[in-house]
């Protein structure tokens, strides 16, 4: 380990508690940075048109996509097919949205 302005390194025994604490701090900082980056990256990637509809959340959008496989098939689905996944209020909201678009 080097100190700024000092040309001689500080040697720490590989079994010392000090070295273990420094390594744990390094590892935790690295884990924190990676977790933050992944979370930030995931927020901006996969978003579906369904999540933009007020009254249809991420969970409902996921259920719809899992059941119908695409937004196009959801748009073409009958009321009976939609009622298998959605409640009445969500179904009305979804149908109104697709009429506007």
Protein backbone atom coordinates (compact mmCIF):
# COMPACT_ATOMS: atom_id res chain seq x y z
CA UNK A 1 0.00 0.00 0.00
CA UNK A 2 1.35 3.44 -0.93
CA UNK A 3 0.80 6.82 0.68
CA UNK A 4 0.69 9.93 -1.55
CA UNK A 5 4.13 11.49 -1.86
CA UNK A 6 5.88 8.52 -0.20
CA UNK A 7 8.04 6.38 -2.48
CA UNK A 8 8.28 3.50 -0.01
CA UNK A 9 5.35 1.10 0.24
CA UNK A 10 3.74 0.02 3.50
CA UNK A 11 3.87 -3.75 3.72
CA UNK A 12 1.01 -5.52 5.47
CA UNK A 13 1.22 -9.14 6.47
CA UNK A 14 -1.14 -11.29 4.37
CA UNK A 15 -2.72 -12.65 7.55
CA UNK A 16 -3.12 -9.34 9.39
CA UNK A 17 -6.52 -8.09 10.48
CA UNK A 18 -5.74 -4.67 9.01
CA UNK A 19 -5.34 -6.12 5.53
CA UNK A 20 -8.57 -8.10 5.91
CA UNK A 21 -10.49 -4.95 6.90
CA UNK A 22 -9.05 -3.01 3.94
CA UNK A 23 -10.00 -5.87 1.59
CA UNK A 24 -13.54 -6.02 3.00
CA UNK A 25 -13.90 -2.25 2.50
CA UNK A 26 -12.68 -2.58 -1.07
CA UNK A 27 -15.01 -5.51 -1.79
CA UNK A 28 -18.02 -3.73 -0.27
CA UNK A 29 -17.34 -0.53 -2.25
CA UNK A 30 -17.04 -2.60 -5.42
CA UNK A 31 -20.27 -4.51 -4.70
CA UNK A 32 -22.10 -1.25 -3.97
CA UNK A 33 -20.87 0.34 -7.20
CA UNK A 34 -21.83 -2.66 -9.33
CA UNK A 35 -25.27 -2.97 -7.71
CA UNK A 36 -25.95 0.75 -8.29
CA UNK A 37 -24.82 0.53 -11.92
CA UNK A 38 -26.97 -2.55 -12.64
CA UNK A 39 -30.01 -0.97 -11.03
CA UNK A 40 -29.53 2.26 -12.98
CA UNK A 41 -29.01 0.37 -16.25
CA UNK A 42 -32.08 -1.85 -15.72
CA UNK A 43 -34.34 1.12 -15.05
CA UNK A 44 -33.80 2.47 -18.53
CA UNK A 45 -33.88 -0.69 -20.58
CA UNK A 46 -36.85 -2.98 -20.91
CA UNK A 47 -40.05 -1.01 -20.54
CA UNK A 48 -43.21 -1.99 -22.28
CA UNK A 49 -45.93 0.21 -23.71
CA UNK A 50 -48.31 -1.39 -21.22
CA UNK A 51 -46.50 0.14 -18.24
CA UNK A 52 -47.26 3.60 -19.62
CA UNK A 53 -51.01 3.00 -19.18
CA UNK A 54 -52.36 4.45 -15.96
CA UNK A 55 -53.94 1.62 -13.95
CA UNK A 56 -51.71 -1.08 -15.46
CA UNK A 57 -48.62 -1.63 -13.36
CA UNK A 58 -45.47 -3.63 -13.97
CA UNK A 59 -46.90 -6.81 -12.43
CA UNK A 60 -50.04 -6.69 -14.56
CA UNK A 61 -48.02 -5.88 -17.68
CA UNK A 62 -45.77 -8.87 -16.97
CA UNK A 63 -48.80 -11.13 -16.51
CA UNK A 64 -50.30 -9.94 -19.79
CA UNK A 65 -47.08 -10.44 -21.72
CA UNK A 66 -46.54 -13.85 -20.19
CA UNK A 67 -50.06 -14.90 -21.19
CA UNK A 68 -50.33 -13.28 -24.65
CA UNK A 69 -46.62 -13.09 -25.61
CA UNK A 70 -46.85 -9.67 -27.36
CA UNK A 71 -48.59 -6.29 -27.23
CA UNK A 72 -50.04 -6.96 -30.69
CA UNK A 73 -51.80 -10.10 -29.42
CA UNK A 74 -53.05 -8.22 -26.36
CA UNK A 75 -54.49 -5.54 -28.64
CA UNK A 76 -56.27 -8.21 -30.72
CA UNK A 77 -57.51 -10.21 -27.71
CA UNK A 78 -61.21 -10.55 -27.03
CA UNK A 79 -62.87 -9.39 -23.84
CA UNK A 80 -63.18 -12.99 -22.67
CA UNK A 81 -59.47 -13.64 -23.20
CA UNK A 82 -58.52 -10.45 -21.35
CA UNK A 83 -60.82 -11.32 -18.44
CA UNK A 84 -58.66 -14.39 -17.75
CA UNK A 85 -55.79 -12.09 -16.75
CA UNK A 86 -57.34 -8.72 -15.84
CA UNK A 87 -60.08 -7.47 -13.57
CA UNK A 88 -62.98 -5.46 -15.04
CA UNK A 89 -61.49 -2.03 -14.29
CA UNK A 90 -58.12 -2.90 -15.83
CA UNK A 91 -59.83 -4.38 -18.87
CA UNK A 92 -61.81 -1.19 -19.50
CA UNK A 93 -58.67 0.93 -19.03
CA UNK A 94 -56.70 -1.23 -21.47
CA UNK A 95 -59.44 -1.22 -24.11
CA UNK A 96 -59.83 2.57 -23.88
CA UNK A 97 -56.09 3.00 -24.27
CA UNK A 98 -55.96 0.83 -27.41
CA UNK A 99 -58.94 2.72 -28.92
CA UNK A 100 -57.02 6.00 -28.56
CA UNK A 101 -53.77 4.67 -30.04
